[in-house]
């Protein structure tokens, strides 16, 4: 497939064929150079002054690249697996645009989340709202990052039959994630610590809405639309109708919950050097997997320590909570949980029919699990 007319073909050809661009990640990062320039050109075309253009460029550069890029690269990986062949330059770039749209969505959420949580660091640098001169302007900058998603979709997919599907998917995912953020904020507000309001059921709801949809289902669903997988198709081997998007959700949402448990555990047990940020769940009064496990195993004396010290912005109080986490065997509980949930997810993946000619393959899902199983950051 050739590059659509809206793509800067000579420039894309040049960067993809450069001897210095070899790995998939490098090609993906070079695609960012193109989409960023398109966004900056569109912004400048509005006649805005130079200082606004400089600000917008810093906003994009500070918040969008620089992470692990797992979500964006998962779009490219999933498209390649489903197509069953190495992607052409055009296919790769089109998948990369969708991948970067996911990374823009991630940046939009993180800028707002860090502001609401008063987080100190992100990806090894100060959180964006703490950059001198930014402050609450970060709220507007976040909305500009979200708007960039729809500029990219319009520019690169307007003539595709699945254009509306992409738009609806991003809108639906934003709503799901915002719902999760709301549940997170009102379940355990920073200024009102009441551990009786925290429960594992609430944690699971938050993980489902705040993490699973946009981090796991969204990249695969985007790839499925790009590969034009239908909403339903018959499975010859099982004599039943397969609903691939529902099937993908049934696997990827549990993967997302597993990922959130990992994130919560690493917030407690991981080092800032490895995870790229200072853990804040304890002082932020988060309804995390860790506090839920500790509450379920704590003695009356330990529960009293948690009630008196959790959710307070005091290093000594935070240390007392961590001591209880260690005393109730949180590390071993996590090890047991990880092995159990890994086996359950792999069993779900085995439920995907592998009929000849079917595009949705088990490898799409194992690719995700392989990336996060036993991760340390």
Protein backbone atom coordinates (compact mmCIF):
# COMPACT_ATOMS: atom_id res chain seq x y z
CA UNK A 1 0.00 0.00 0.00
CA UNK A 2 1.42 3.38 -0.96
CA UNK A 3 1.37 6.44 1.23
CA UNK A 4 -1.86 8.46 1.02
CA UNK A 5 -1.56 11.86 -0.58
CA UNK A 6 -1.68 13.69 2.73
CA UNK A 7 1.56 12.04 3.85
CA UNK A 8 4.84 13.85 3.11
CA UNK A 9 6.02 10.90 1.01
CA UNK A 10 9.58 12.02 0.15
CA UNK A 11 10.36 12.80 3.79
CA UNK A 12 8.85 9.53 5.05
CA UNK A 13 10.75 7.58 2.40
CA UNK A 14 13.94 9.36 3.39
CA UNK A 15 13.73 8.65 7.12
CA UNK A 16 12.59 5.05 6.72
CA UNK A 17 15.33 4.25 4.23
CA UNK A 18 18.08 5.99 6.20
CA UNK A 19 20.89 3.58 7.23
CA UNK A 20 20.65 4.98 10.77
CA UNK A 21 16.99 3.93 11.13
CA UNK A 22 16.85 0.18 11.60
CA UNK A 23 14.81 -0.98 14.59
CA UNK A 24 11.03 -0.82 14.86
CA UNK A 25 11.28 1.62 17.74
CA UNK A 26 13.59 3.90 15.73
CA UNK A 27 11.17 3.87 12.79
CA UNK A 28 8.31 4.63 15.18
CA UNK A 29 10.24 7.51 16.74
CA UNK A 30 11.05 8.89 13.29
CA UNK A 31 7.34 8.80 12.43
CA UNK A 32 6.86 11.13 15.39
CA UNK A 33 9.07 13.70 13.66
CA UNK A 34 6.57 13.77 10.81
CA UNK A 35 3.37 13.94 12.85
CA UNK A 36 4.81 16.58 15.18
CA UNK A 37 5.75 18.78 12.24
CA UNK A 38 2.29 18.39 10.75
CA UNK A 39 0.72 19.49 14.04
CA UNK A 40 3.10 22.45 14.36
CA UNK A 41 2.42 23.50 10.76
CA UNK A 42 -1.34 23.36 11.34
CA UNK A 43 -0.95 25.43 14.51
CA UNK A 44 1.20 28.04 12.77
CA UNK A 45 -1.32 28.22 9.91
CA UNK A 46 -3.79 29.78 12.34
CA UNK A 47 -1.62 32.88 12.44
CA UNK A 48 -0.58 32.49 16.06
CA UNK A 49 2.55 34.37 17.20
CA UNK A 50 5.97 32.80 17.54
CA UNK A 51 5.86 32.53 21.35
CA UNK A 52 2.66 30.45 21.17
CA UNK A 53 4.26 28.18 18.57
CA UNK A 54 7.30 27.74 20.80
CA UNK A 55 5.05 26.94 23.78
CA UNK A 56 3.04 24.35 21.82
CA UNK A 57 6.21 22.66 20.58
CA UNK A 58 7.59 22.46 24.13
CA UNK A 59 4.27 21.03 25.32
CA UNK A 60 4.44 18.23 22.74
CA UNK A 61 8.16 17.54 23.16
CA UNK A 62 8.02 17.49 26.97
CA UNK A 63 4.97 15.28 27.34
CA UNK A 64 4.57 12.94 24.36
CA UNK A 65 7.89 11.18 23.52
CA UNK A 66 10.35 9.86 26.08
CA UNK A 67 8.29 7.11 27.69
CA UNK A 68 8.44 3.38 27.09
CA UNK A 69 6.11 3.83 24.07
CA UNK A 70 4.59 0.41 24.73
CA UNK A 71 1.06 1.54 23.91
CA UNK A 72 1.98 3.14 20.61
CA UNK A 73 4.28 0.35 19.50
CA UNK A 74 1.57 -2.17 20.37
CA UNK A 75 -0.55 -0.74 17.56
CA UNK A 76 2.26 -1.38 15.06
CA UNK A 77 2.99 -4.84 16.48
CA UNK A 78 -0.70 -5.81 16.41
CA UNK A 79 -1.19 -4.64 12.81
CA UNK A 80 1.88 -6.61 11.70
CA UNK A 81 0.71 -9.76 13.50
CA UNK A 82 -2.79 -9.52 12.06
CA UNK A 83 -1.58 -8.80 8.52
CA UNK A 84 0.84 -11.69 8.74
CA UNK A 85 3.70 -10.01 6.86
CA UNK A 86 6.32 -7.29 7.39
CA UNK A 87 4.62 -3.93 6.96
CA UNK A 88 5.31 -1.75 3.95
CA UNK A 89 6.45 1.81 4.64
CA UNK A 90 2.91 3.03 4.06
CA UNK A 91 1.35 0.45 6.38
CA UNK A 92 3.97 1.07 9.04
CA UNK A 93 3.49 4.83 8.93
CA UNK A 94 -0.29 4.55 9.06
CA UNK A 95 -0.07 2.22 12.08
CA UNK A 96 2.52 4.54 13.64
CA UNK A 97 0.16 7.52 13.33
CA UNK A 98 -2.45 5.56 15.28
CA UNK A 99 0.23 4.57 17.78
CA UNK A 100 1.28 8.16 18.30
CA UNK A 101 -2.39 9.13 18.71
CA UNK A 102 -2.46 6.71 21.64
CA UNK A 103 0.71 8.30 23.03
CA UNK A 104 -0.91 11.74 22.75
CA UNK A 105 -3.89 10.39 24.68
CA UNK A 106 -1.53 9.02 27.32
CA UNK A 107 0.21 12.40 27.57
CA UNK A 108 -3.16 14.17 27.92
CA UNK A 109 -4.10 11.94 30.85
CA UNK A 110 -0.70 12.09 32.55
CA UNK A 111 -0.44 15.88 32.50
CA UNK A 112 -3.82 16.18 34.25
CA UNK A 113 -3.24 13.22 36.55
CA UNK A 114 0.11 14.56 37.78
CA UNK A 115 -1.45 17.95 38.50
CA UNK A 116 -4.36 16.43 40.43
CA UNK A 117 -2.06 14.09 42.37
CA UNK A 118 0.61 16.75 43.01
CA UNK A 119 3.15 14.28 41.60
CA UNK A 120 6.77 15.35 41.67
CA UNK A 121 8.44 13.44 38.84
CA UNK A 122 7.45 11.65 35.65
CA UNK A 123 9.80 9.75 33.36
CA UNK A 124 12.76 10.90 35.41
CA UNK A 125 12.04 14.63 35.09
CA UNK A 126 9.83 17.17 36.90
CA UNK A 127 6.13 16.75 36.17
CA UNK A 128 4.94 19.21 33.55
CA UNK A 129 2.94 21.52 35.84
CA UNK A 130 6.13 22.03 37.91
CA UNK A 131 8.07 23.37 34.91
CA UNK A 132 8.72 27.08 35.60
CA UNK A 133 5.95 29.22 34.15
CA UNK A 134 3.56 26.34 33.42
CA UNK A 135 1.48 25.70 36.55
CA UNK A 136 -2.23 25.46 35.80
CA UNK A 137 -1.64 26.35 32.13
CA UNK A 138 -0.95 22.62 31.98
CA UNK A 139 -4.74 22.07 31.97
CA UNK A 140 -5.08 23.91 28.67
CA UNK A 141 -1.93 22.25 27.34
CA UNK A 142 -3.46 18.87 28.13
CA UNK A 143 -6.57 19.69 26.10
CA UNK A 144 -4.34 20.70 23.19
CA UNK A 145 -2.63 17.32 23.36
CA UNK A 146 -6.04 15.64 23.21
CA UNK A 147 -7.10 17.83 20.26
CA UNK A 148 -4.00 16.74 18.38
CA UNK A 149 -5.39 13.20 18.24
CA UNK A 150 -8.34 14.27 16.13
CA UNK A 151 -6.20 16.46 13.90
CA UNK A 152 -4.05 13.43 13.10
CA UNK A 153 -7.05 11.16 12.50
CA UNK A 154 -8.61 13.70 10.16
CA UNK A 155 -5.40 14.24 8.24
CA UNK A 156 -4.50 10.57 7.79
CA UNK A 157 -7.73 8.57 7.95
CA UNK A 158 -10.51 10.84 6.74
CA UNK A 159 -10.97 8.82 3.54
CA UNK A 160 -10.90 5.41 5.22
CA UNK A 161 -14.15 3.46 5.69
CA UNK A 162 -13.33 3.01 9.40
CA UNK A 163 -12.64 6.73 10.09
CA UNK A 164 -15.74 7.16 12.26
CA UNK A 165 -14.89 3.93 14.12
CA UNK A 166 -11.52 5.41 15.08
CA UNK A 167 -13.07 8.65 16.31
CA UNK A 168 -15.73 6.83 18.34
CA UNK A 169 -13.13 4.51 19.81
CA UNK A 170 -11.00 7.41 21.05
CA UNK A 171 -14.04 9.24 22.43
CA UNK A 172 -15.33 6.11 24.18
CA UNK A 173 -11.89 5.36 25.62
CA UNK A 174 -11.49 8.92 26.90
CA UNK A 175 -14.88 8.64 28.62
CA UNK A 176 -13.95 5.27 30.17
CA UNK A 177 -10.63 6.62 31.42
CA UNK A 178 -12.14 9.83 32.78
CA UNK A 179 -14.71 7.71 34.61
CA UNK A 180 -11.88 5.73 36.18
CA UNK A 181 -10.15 8.94 37.23
CA UNK A 182 -13.36 10.18 38.84
CA UNK A 183 -13.78 6.91 40.75
CA UNK A 184 -10.15 7.17 41.85
CA UNK A 185 -10.52 10.73 43.10
CA UNK A 186 -13.81 10.37 44.98
CA UNK A 187 -13.12 6.94 46.49
CA UNK A 188 -10.13 8.19 48.45
CA UNK A 189 -9.84 12.01 48.33
CA UNK A 190 -6.57 13.42 49.59
CA UNK A 191 -8.18 15.63 52.24
CA UNK A 192 -10.44 12.96 53.75
CA UNK A 193 -8.78 9.70 54.75
CA UNK A 194 -11.27 6.94 55.56
CA UNK A 195 -9.92 3.47 54.87
CA UNK A 196 -13.37 1.93 55.38
CA UNK A 197 -14.35 3.40 51.99
CA UNK A 198 -11.55 1.50 50.24
CA UNK A 199 -12.31 -1.94 48.83
CA UNK A 200 -10.91 -4.40 46.35
CA UNK A 201 -14.10 -4.07 44.29
CA UNK A 202 -13.55 -0.33 43.96
CA UNK A 203 -9.92 -0.91 43.05
CA UNK A 204 -10.97 -3.28 40.27
CA UNK A 205 -13.48 -0.75 38.90
CA UNK A 206 -10.83 1.97 38.89
CA UNK A 207 -8.25 -0.29 37.23
CA UNK A 208 -10.73 -1.36 34.57
CA UNK A 209 -11.79 2.15 33.60
CA UNK A 210 -8.63 4.13 34.29
CA UNK A 211 -6.02 1.76 32.87
CA UNK A 212 -7.29 -1.29 31.01
CA UNK A 213 -9.30 0.37 28.27
CA UNK A 214 -6.76 2.89 27.00
CA UNK A 215 -3.57 0.98 27.72
CA UNK A 216 -4.58 -2.43 26.37
CA UNK A 217 -7.88 -2.57 24.53
CA UNK A 218 -7.43 0.71 22.62
CA UNK A 219 -4.15 -0.20 20.79
CA UNK A 220 -5.50 -3.59 19.70
CA UNK A 221 -8.91 -2.25 18.68
CA UNK A 222 -7.21 0.46 16.58
CA UNK A 223 -5.13 -2.21 14.84
CA UNK A 224 -8.25 -4.32 14.29
CA UNK A 225 -10.01 -1.40 12.60
CA UNK A 226 -6.98 -0.67 10.44
CA UNK A 227 -6.96 -4.34 9.39
CA UNK A 228 -10.71 -4.01 8.79
CA UNK A 229 -11.68 -6.91 11.04
CA UNK A 230 -15.48 -7.22 11.00
CA UNK A 231 -17.68 -6.99 14.08
CA UNK A 232 -18.51 -10.71 13.75
CA UNK A 233 -17.46 -13.71 11.66
CA UNK A 234 -18.19 -17.47 11.72
CA UNK A 235 -15.65 -19.87 13.23
CA UNK A 236 -15.58 -23.11 11.18
CA UNK A 237 -13.71 -25.05 13.86
CA UNK A 238 -16.19 -24.21 16.59
CA UNK A 239 -19.40 -23.85 14.59
CA UNK A 240 -20.11 -20.53 16.28
CA UNK A 241 -20.04 -16.83 15.57
CA UNK A 242 -16.97 -14.99 16.84
CA UNK A 243 -17.33 -11.39 18.01
CA UNK A 244 -13.68 -10.32 17.84
CA UNK A 245 -13.93 -6.93 19.56
CA UNK A 246 -15.83 -8.41 22.51
CA UNK A 247 -13.34 -11.30 22.59
CA UNK A 248 -10.43 -8.87 22.63
CA UNK A 249 -12.00 -6.95 25.52
CA UNK A 250 -12.56 -10.14 27.51
CA UNK A 251 -8.81 -10.81 27.39
CA UNK A 252 -7.29 -7.34 27.45
CA UNK A 253 -9.30 -5.89 30.33
CA UNK A 254 -7.98 -8.56 32.76
CA UNK A 255 -4.50 -7.86 31.36
CA UNK A 256 -5.07 -4.18 32.17
CA UNK A 257 -6.10 -4.98 35.74
CA UNK A 258 -2.96 -7.11 36.13
CA UNK A 259 -0.89 -4.19 34.81
CA UNK A 260 -2.47 -1.82 37.35
CA UNK A 261 -1.70 -4.22 40.19
CA UNK A 262 1.90 -4.27 38.96
CA UNK A 263 1.93 -0.47 38.83
CA UNK A 264 0.63 -0.21 42.39
CA UNK A 265 3.14 -2.75 43.67
CA UNK A 266 6.03 -1.00 41.92
CA UNK A 267 4.87 2.34 43.36
CA UNK A 268 5.59 0.76 46.76
CA UNK A 269 8.47 -1.60 45.99
CA UNK A 270 10.19 -0.13 42.92
CA UNK A 271 13.04 2.36 43.02
CA UNK A 272 12.58 5.82 41.44
CA UNK A 273 15.64 5.11 39.27
CA UNK A 274 13.92 2.08 37.74
CA UNK A 275 10.30 3.22 37.50
CA UNK A 276 11.09 6.83 36.52
CA UNK A 277 9.04 8.48 39.26
CA UNK A 278 8.73 8.81 43.01
CA UNK A 279 5.96 6.60 44.36
CA UNK A 280 3.08 8.66 45.81
CA UNK A 281 0.18 6.22 46.26
CA UNK A 282 0.52 6.08 50.06
CA UNK A 283 0.66 9.83 50.64
CA UNK A 284 -2.02 10.41 47.98
CA UNK A 285 -4.49 8.15 49.84
CA UNK A 286 -4.89 5.96 46.75
CA UNK A 287 -7.29 3.02 46.62
CA UNK A 288 -4.39 0.85 45.48
CA UNK A 289 -3.99 -2.92 45.37
CA UNK A 290 -1.33 -2.62 48.09
CA UNK A 291 -3.52 -0.96 50.71
CA UNK A 292 -6.36 -3.35 49.94
CA UNK A 293 -4.11 -6.36 50.48
CA UNK A 294 -2.71 -4.85 53.68
CA UNK A 295 -6.18 -4.09 55.07
CA UNK A 296 -7.25 -7.67 54.41
CA UNK A 297 -4.28 -9.12 56.30
CA UNK A 298 -3.60 -6.54 59.04
CA UNK A 299 -3.93 -7.28 62.73
CA UNK A 300 -5.95 -4.79 64.84
CA UNK A 301 -2.69 -3.11 65.85
CA UNK A 302 -1.48 -2.87 62.25
CA UNK A 303 -4.89 -1.59 61.13
CA UNK A 304 -4.62 1.19 63.70
CA UNK A 305 -1.22 2.16 62.26
CA UNK A 306 -2.68 2.26 58.74
CA UNK A 307 -5.66 4.35 59.88
CA UNK A 308 -3.40 6.84 61.62
CA UNK A 309 -0.72 7.16 58.93
CA UNK A 310 -2.11 6.38 55.45
CA UNK A 311 -2.77 9.33 53.16
CA UNK A 312 -0.67 11.81 55.13
CA UNK A 313 2.04 13.89 53.49
CA UNK A 314 4.64 13.04 56.09
CA UNK A 315 7.71 10.89 55.29
CA UNK A 316 7.70 9.26 58.74
CA UNK A 317 4.03 8.32 58.45
CA UNK A 318 4.64 6.96 54.96
CA UNK A 319 7.50 4.85 56.35
CA UNK A 320 5.19 3.39 59.04
CA UNK A 321 2.71 2.33 56.35
CA UNK A 322 5.48 0.71 54.33
CA UNK A 323 6.59 -1.17 57.44
CA UNK A 324 3.09 -2.65 57.79
CA UNK A 325 3.12 -3.56 54.08
CA UNK A 326 6.32 -5.52 54.69
CA UNK A 327 5.00 -7.12 57.89
CA UNK A 328 1.85 -8.50 56.21
CA UNK A 329 3.99 -10.08 53.48
CA UNK A 330 2.95 -7.88 50.59
CA UNK A 331 5.85 -8.99 48.40
CA UNK A 332 4.89 -12.65 48.71
CA UNK A 333 1.20 -11.84 48.14
CA UNK A 334 2.18 -10.09 44.94
CA UNK A 335 4.31 -13.03 43.78
CA UNK A 336 1.41 -15.44 44.32
CA UNK A 337 -1.04 -13.08 42.63
CA UNK A 338 1.18 -12.64 39.58
CA UNK A 339 1.55 -16.36 38.96
CA UNK A 340 -2.17 -16.97 39.41
CA UNK A 341 -3.34 -14.18 37.12
CA UNK A 342 -0.76 -15.06 34.47
CA UNK A 343 -2.14 -18.60 34.27
CA UNK A 344 -5.72 -17.27 34.06
CA UNK A 345 -4.89 -14.84 31.26
CA UNK A 346 -3.05 -17.47 29.25
CA UNK A 347 -6.13 -19.69 29.54
CA UNK A 348 -8.26 -16.86 28.15
CA UNK A 349 -5.88 -16.47 25.21
CA UNK A 350 -6.28 -20.19 24.48
CA UNK A 351 -10.00 -19.48 23.90
CA UNK A 352 -9.25 -17.50 20.73
CA UNK A 353 -10.15 -19.67 17.69
CA UNK A 354 -7.21 -20.24 15.36
CA UNK A 355 -9.11 -20.91 12.14
CA UNK A 356 -7.31 -20.63 8.83
CA UNK A 357 -7.71 -17.17 7.38
CA UNK A 358 -8.84 -15.57 10.65
CA UNK A 359 -6.96 -12.33 11.22
CA UNK A 360 -7.30 -12.07 15.01
CA UNK A 361 -4.45 -14.24 16.31
CA UNK A 362 -3.45 -15.36 19.78
CA UNK A 363 -0.04 -13.79 19.25
CA UNK A 364 -1.67 -10.34 19.45
CA UNK A 365 -2.44 -11.05 23.11
CA UNK A 366 0.66 -13.02 24.07
CA UNK A 367 2.69 -10.10 22.72
CA UNK A 368 1.15 -7.90 25.43
CA UNK A 369 1.55 -10.42 28.23
CA UNK A 370 5.18 -11.13 27.33
CA UNK A 371 5.97 -7.42 27.64
CA UNK A 372 4.57 -6.98 31.15
CA UNK A 373 5.01 -10.37 32.84
CA UNK A 374 7.39 -9.90 35.79
CA UNK A 375 8.22 -6.34 34.71
CA UNK A 376 10.34 -4.25 37.07
CA UNK A 377 9.51 -0.77 35.81
